[in-house]
Amino acid sequence: MKRIFEIDLRSLALFRMLLSLFMLGDLIVRVPEIVALHSDYGAVPRISVIENWWLPGTFSFHILSGDPAYMLGSRGEGCSVSPHSSAFTSAFANR
């Protein structure tokens, strides 16, 4: 059977590594704004979201806590980004 479409694994690995570096760079830029944008001390506290925009039957991990430390972990700017970015970064071993 003739292959019409084929992807080189080396270029796929390079793409995944560059994507992970881009994601890490984006997170480094966003960390200083975590308190202003993603906590109860910022622009929109959780109570405002719950009272005005919350839809019944929906769930979000961001509503569980408005603490900046929790947001660092749940949004990925902290330690939880490591599994995602390391999975992309270690893409050189695709076989």
Protein backbone atom coordinates (compact mmCIF):
# COMPACT_ATOMS: atom_id res chain seq x y z
CA MET A 1 0.00 0.00 0.00
CA LYS A 2 1.36 3.38 -1.00
CA ARG A 3 1.69 6.06 1.71
CA ILE A 4 0.23 9.36 0.68
CA PHE A 5 0.92 11.26 3.90
CA GLU A 6 3.84 10.74 6.25
CA ILE A 7 5.30 12.71 9.19
CA ASP A 8 8.94 12.60 10.09
CA LEU A 9 9.26 11.73 13.79
CA ARG A 10 12.23 14.07 14.23
CA SER A 11 10.24 17.08 13.03
CA LEU A 12 7.33 16.05 15.25
CA ALA A 13 9.69 15.83 18.24
CA LEU A 14 11.16 19.25 17.43
CA PHE A 15 7.66 20.73 17.16
CA ARG A 16 6.67 19.30 20.54
CA MET A 17 9.83 20.58 22.21
CA LEU A 18 9.40 24.07 20.77
CA LEU A 19 5.75 24.07 21.80
CA SER A 20 6.71 23.19 25.38
CA LEU A 21 9.30 25.97 25.47
CA PHE A 22 6.68 28.40 24.20
CA MET A 23 4.25 27.23 26.90
CA LEU A 24 6.86 27.65 29.62
CA GLY A 25 7.73 31.14 28.37
CA ASP A 26 4.08 32.10 28.35
CA LEU A 27 3.67 30.87 31.92
CA ILE A 28 6.73 32.81 33.08
CA VAL A 29 5.17 35.98 31.67
CA ARG A 30 1.81 35.28 33.34
CA VAL A 31 3.02 34.43 36.86
CA PRO A 32 3.38 38.08 38.04
CA GLU A 33 -0.28 38.69 37.17
CA ILE A 34 -1.68 35.64 38.97
CA VAL A 35 -2.93 37.64 41.97
CA ALA A 36 -4.53 40.39 39.88
CA LEU A 37 -6.29 38.08 37.45
CA HIS A 38 -6.88 34.70 39.07
CA SER A 39 -7.48 35.16 42.80
CA ASP A 40 -10.02 36.66 45.18
CA TYR A 41 -7.76 39.70 45.61
CA GLY A 42 -7.94 40.59 41.95
CA ALA A 43 -10.39 41.98 39.44
CA VAL A 44 -13.23 39.47 39.85
CA PRO A 45 -13.53 37.60 43.17
CA ARG A 46 -15.11 34.15 43.22
CA ILE A 47 -18.22 35.38 45.04
CA SER A 48 -18.97 37.75 42.14
CA VAL A 49 -18.60 34.92 39.66
CA ILE A 50 -20.90 32.67 41.69
CA GLU A 51 -23.55 35.36 42.20
CA ASN A 52 -23.60 36.81 38.69
CA TRP A 53 -22.28 34.36 36.09
CA TRP A 54 -22.34 30.85 37.54
CA LEU A 55 -24.47 28.33 35.66
CA PRO A 56 -26.20 25.63 37.72
CA GLY A 57 -24.78 22.17 37.16
CA THR A 58 -21.32 23.34 36.16
CA PHE A 59 -18.04 22.70 37.95
CA SER A 60 -14.69 24.44 37.94
CA PHE A 61 -11.54 23.78 39.95
CA HIS A 62 -10.95 27.54 39.99
CA ILE A 63 -14.02 28.11 42.16
CA LEU A 64 -12.73 25.82 44.92
CA SER A 65 -10.27 28.41 46.24
CA GLY A 66 -9.33 32.01 45.54
CA ASP A 67 -5.91 31.74 47.14
CA PRO A 68 -3.02 32.70 44.84
CA ALA A 69 -1.02 29.62 45.91
CA TYR A 70 -3.91 27.34 44.88
CA MET A 71 -4.20 29.15 41.57
CA LEU A 72 -0.50 28.64 40.89
CA GLY A 73 -0.97 24.90 41.28
CA SER A 74 -4.30 24.52 39.51
CA ARG A 75 -3.58 26.75 36.51
CA GLY A 76 -0.23 25.24 35.78
CA GLU A 77 2.01 28.18 36.55
CA GLY A 78 3.46 26.27 39.45
CA CYS A 79 4.49 22.67 39.88
CA SER A 80 1.61 21.20 37.88
CA VAL A 81 3.05 22.56 34.64
CA SER A 82 5.98 20.16 34.90
CA PRO A 83 4.16 17.02 33.74
CA HIS A 84 2.67 18.82 30.74
CA SER A 85 5.80 20.58 29.60
CA SER A 86 8.11 17.67 30.36
CA ALA A 87 5.85 15.40 28.31
CA PHE A 88 6.31 17.75 25.37
CA THR A 89 10.00 18.34 26.02
CA SER A 90 10.80 14.63 26.22
CA ALA A 91 9.23 14.06 22.82
CA PHE A 92 12.58 13.26 21.22
CA ALA A 93 11.96 9.57 22.01
CA ASN A 94 8.88 9.02 19.84
CA ARG A 95 9.59 5.41 18.96
